[in-house]
Amino acid sequence: MKDTIVYLIRHAETVNENGIRNTDEDSQIINEKEILSVKGEEQSKKLSENTELSDIDVIWSSSYTRAKATAKYIANINNLPINLDSNLSERKLGNLNELGQFMKGKKTRDPSQEQLLNQKFKTSNGESAEDTNKRMNIFFNKILKEYEGKKIVVVSHRWSNKILLIKLV
C-alpha cells in the first residue's frame, strides 16, 4: 500500500495595503479578498517548479483569493482543478472592537498568539482557536480517508495551519 503524502502550504506573500478601505465591507470580506504581491506571485510560480509537487493527485485550497492564487501554479503544472473547501479558511477574527478589548493589557501585540494561550476566546462573528482546529481536523479526516495512498496539496493560511499543527489542550 502506498503512503498518503500531504503537502500543507501557506499562501505566498500578499500585498501590503495602506490607505482607505471600503468601509462597507467588514474585516472578514477584506481578508478574503487580499491578493498576492508581485513577490508572492513569483514565490508561487517557483514553488510549483519544486519536483515534490509534480505528479500530484489532488489540490485543495481555501477559497480566499491569495490561497487560490498560490495553488493555481501547482494546478497548472499538474493539469488539475483546484478543489475549494471553507474548512481551510483563515481563522475568523470577527468583531474587531471586541478583539481590541481582549488585547488590552496583553503582553504580546498579536491577537492570534493570545488566542493560542486562550483557545476558547472568540469575538461575535469570530471563531476561537479551538473552533479553527475542529474545522481543520474535519477537513483532514475527510481527505485522508478519501485520498488514501495519494499525493495531496493543501493550500491554506498561516494561523489555520499553525492551529492545526499545535496540539490543543
Protein backbone atom coordinates (compact mmCIF):
# COMPACT_ATOMS: atom_id res chain seq x y z
CA MET A 1 0.00 0.00 0.00
CA LYS A 2 1.30 3.47 -0.95
CA ASP A 3 1.79 6.16 1.67
CA THR A 4 -0.51 9.15 1.65
CA ILE A 5 1.53 12.34 1.25
CA VAL A 6 0.10 15.73 2.18
CA TYR A 7 1.89 18.96 1.32
CA LEU A 8 0.49 21.65 3.63
CA ILE A 9 1.30 25.03 2.09
CA ARG A 10 0.73 28.53 3.38
CA HIS A 11 -0.25 31.01 0.70
CA ALA A 12 2.51 33.22 -0.70
CA GLU A 13 3.21 36.84 0.28
CA THR A 14 0.31 39.30 -0.01
CA VAL A 15 0.25 42.96 -0.99
CA ASN A 16 0.74 45.45 1.84
CA GLU A 17 -2.08 47.95 1.64
CA ASN A 18 -2.26 51.40 3.19
CA GLY A 19 -4.97 54.00 2.93
CA ILE A 20 -8.72 53.99 2.80
CA ARG A 21 -10.56 50.71 2.77
CA ASN A 22 -14.14 50.24 1.66
CA THR A 23 -15.90 50.89 4.95
CA ASP A 24 -18.99 48.99 3.77
CA GLU A 25 -17.03 45.75 3.93
CA ASP A 26 -16.28 44.02 7.19
CA SER A 27 -12.82 42.77 8.09
CA GLN A 28 -13.70 39.21 7.06
CA ILE A 29 -14.57 40.18 3.48
CA ILE A 30 -11.47 42.37 3.22
CA ASN A 31 -9.37 39.44 4.49
CA GLU A 32 -10.88 37.05 1.93
CA LYS A 33 -10.06 39.40 -0.96
CA GLU A 34 -6.36 40.03 -0.19
CA ILE A 35 -4.23 39.39 -3.28
CA LEU A 36 -0.67 38.20 -3.75
CA SER A 37 2.10 40.71 -4.21
CA VAL A 38 4.38 40.51 -7.24
CA LYS A 39 6.87 38.74 -4.98
CA GLY A 40 4.08 36.37 -3.88
CA GLU A 41 3.26 35.53 -7.50
CA GLU A 42 6.96 34.79 -8.08
CA GLN A 43 7.09 32.65 -4.90
CA SER A 44 4.05 30.66 -6.07
CA LYS A 45 5.49 30.06 -9.53
CA LYS A 46 8.85 28.96 -8.08
CA LEU A 47 7.08 26.68 -5.58
CA SER A 48 5.19 24.96 -8.41
CA GLU A 49 8.52 24.05 -10.03
CA ASN A 50 9.51 22.01 -6.96
CA THR A 51 9.86 18.37 -8.06
CA GLU A 52 7.98 17.12 -4.98
CA LEU A 53 4.91 18.96 -6.25
CA SER A 54 4.81 17.17 -9.59
CA ASP A 55 2.54 14.19 -10.16
CA ILE A 56 0.09 15.43 -7.54
CA ASP A 57 -3.24 13.60 -7.42
CA VAL A 58 -5.43 16.35 -5.98
CA ILE A 59 -5.19 20.00 -4.94
CA TRP A 60 -7.30 21.57 -2.21
CA SER A 61 -7.35 25.26 -1.31
CA SER A 62 -9.03 27.76 0.90
CA SER A 63 -11.49 29.86 -1.08
CA TYR A 64 -9.57 33.03 -0.18
CA THR A 65 -8.10 34.83 -3.19
CA ARG A 66 -4.48 34.61 -2.01
CA ALA A 67 -4.68 30.85 -1.39
CA LYS A 68 -6.23 30.14 -4.80
CA ALA A 69 -3.59 32.37 -6.44
CA THR A 70 -0.86 30.31 -4.76
CA ALA A 71 -2.47 27.00 -5.78
CA LYS A 72 -3.03 27.97 -9.42
CA TYR A 73 0.60 27.40 -10.46
CA ILE A 74 0.70 23.93 -8.90
CA ALA A 75 -2.64 23.16 -10.55
CA ASN A 76 -1.33 24.31 -13.92
CA ILE A 77 1.86 22.22 -13.73
CA ASN A 78 -0.18 19.14 -12.77
CA ASN A 79 -3.11 19.86 -15.11
CA LEU A 80 -5.56 19.61 -12.20
CA PRO A 81 -8.51 21.66 -10.99
CA ILE A 82 -8.35 23.39 -7.61
CA ASN A 83 -10.86 21.99 -5.12
CA LEU A 84 -12.12 24.52 -2.58
CA ASP A 85 -13.19 23.90 0.99
CA SER A 86 -14.28 26.54 3.51
CA ASN A 87 -12.74 24.48 6.33
CA LEU A 88 -9.34 25.65 5.04
CA SER A 89 -10.16 29.33 5.56
CA GLU A 90 -8.14 31.62 7.79
CA ARG A 91 -9.28 31.94 11.39
CA LYS A 92 -12.18 34.39 11.51
CA LEU A 93 -11.36 37.35 13.73
CA GLY A 94 -14.95 38.61 13.99
CA ASN A 95 -15.73 41.87 15.78
CA LEU A 96 -12.53 43.93 15.82
CA ASN A 97 -13.73 46.20 18.66
CA GLU A 98 -14.20 43.14 20.89
CA LEU A 99 -10.81 41.85 19.79
CA GLY A 100 -9.27 45.21 20.76
CA GLN A 101 -10.85 44.94 24.22
CA PHE A 102 -9.49 41.40 24.57
CA MET A 103 -6.00 42.63 23.70
CA LYS A 104 -5.90 45.42 26.33
CA GLY A 105 -3.15 44.70 28.82
CA LYS A 106 -1.80 41.68 26.91
CA LYS A 107 1.96 41.16 26.78
CA THR A 108 2.05 40.47 23.04
CA ARG A 109 0.51 42.66 20.36
CA ASP A 110 -0.56 39.65 18.32
CA PRO A 111 -4.20 38.59 18.78
CA SER A 112 -3.57 35.22 17.15
CA GLN A 113 -0.78 34.47 19.63
CA GLU A 114 -3.03 35.47 22.53
CA GLN A 115 -5.79 33.23 21.21
CA LEU A 116 -3.40 30.28 21.29
CA LEU A 117 -2.99 30.98 25.01
CA ASN A 118 -6.76 31.38 25.48
CA GLN A 119 -8.05 28.82 22.97
CA LYS A 120 -11.75 29.27 23.76
CA PHE A 121 -11.83 33.07 23.34
CA LYS A 122 -13.74 34.39 20.35
CA THR A 123 -15.49 37.58 19.40
CA SER A 124 -19.01 37.78 18.00
CA ASN A 125 -18.90 36.58 14.38
CA GLY A 126 -15.42 35.21 15.06
CA GLU A 127 -14.02 31.85 15.99
CA SER A 128 -11.72 30.55 18.66
CA ALA A 129 -8.50 28.61 18.12
CA GLU A 130 -10.47 25.57 19.28
CA ASP A 131 -13.14 26.19 16.58
CA THR A 132 -10.46 26.55 13.90
CA ASN A 133 -8.75 23.35 15.00
CA LYS A 134 -12.04 21.42 14.84
CA ARG A 135 -12.90 22.50 11.30
CA MET A 136 -9.36 21.89 10.03
CA ASN A 137 -9.46 18.39 11.54
CA ILE A 138 -12.84 17.72 9.88
CA PHE A 139 -11.26 18.54 6.52
CA PHE A 140 -8.12 16.46 7.06
CA ASN A 141 -10.00 13.44 8.41
CA LYS A 142 -12.16 13.53 5.26
CA ILE A 143 -9.34 13.82 2.73
CA LEU A 144 -7.09 11.28 4.44
CA LYS A 145 -9.84 8.69 4.02
CA GLU A 146 -10.89 9.77 0.53
CA TYR A 147 -7.39 10.07 -0.94
CA GLU A 148 -5.56 7.26 0.83
CA GLY A 149 -2.28 6.47 -0.93
CA LYS A 150 -2.38 9.71 -2.95
CA LYS A 151 -0.25 12.87 -3.15
CA ILE A 152 -2.31 15.81 -1.90
CA VAL A 153 -1.55 19.53 -1.93
CA VAL A 154 -3.44 21.69 0.58
CA VAL A 155 -3.08 25.48 0.40
CA SER A 156 -4.31 27.33 3.45
CA HIS A 157 -3.27 30.09 5.87
CA ARG A 158 -0.59 30.65 8.49
CA TRP A 159 -2.76 30.69 11.61
CA SER A 160 -5.13 27.96 10.47
CA ASN A 161 -2.15 25.74 9.69
CA LYS A 162 -0.46 26.62 12.98
CA ILE A 163 -3.60 25.89 14.99
CA LEU A 164 -4.00 22.58 13.16
CA LEU A 165 -0.44 21.52 13.91
CA ILE A 166 -0.39 22.62 17.57
CA LYS A 167 -1.97 20.14 19.94
CA LEU A 168 -4.76 21.99 21.67
CA VAL A 169 -5.19 21.04 25.32
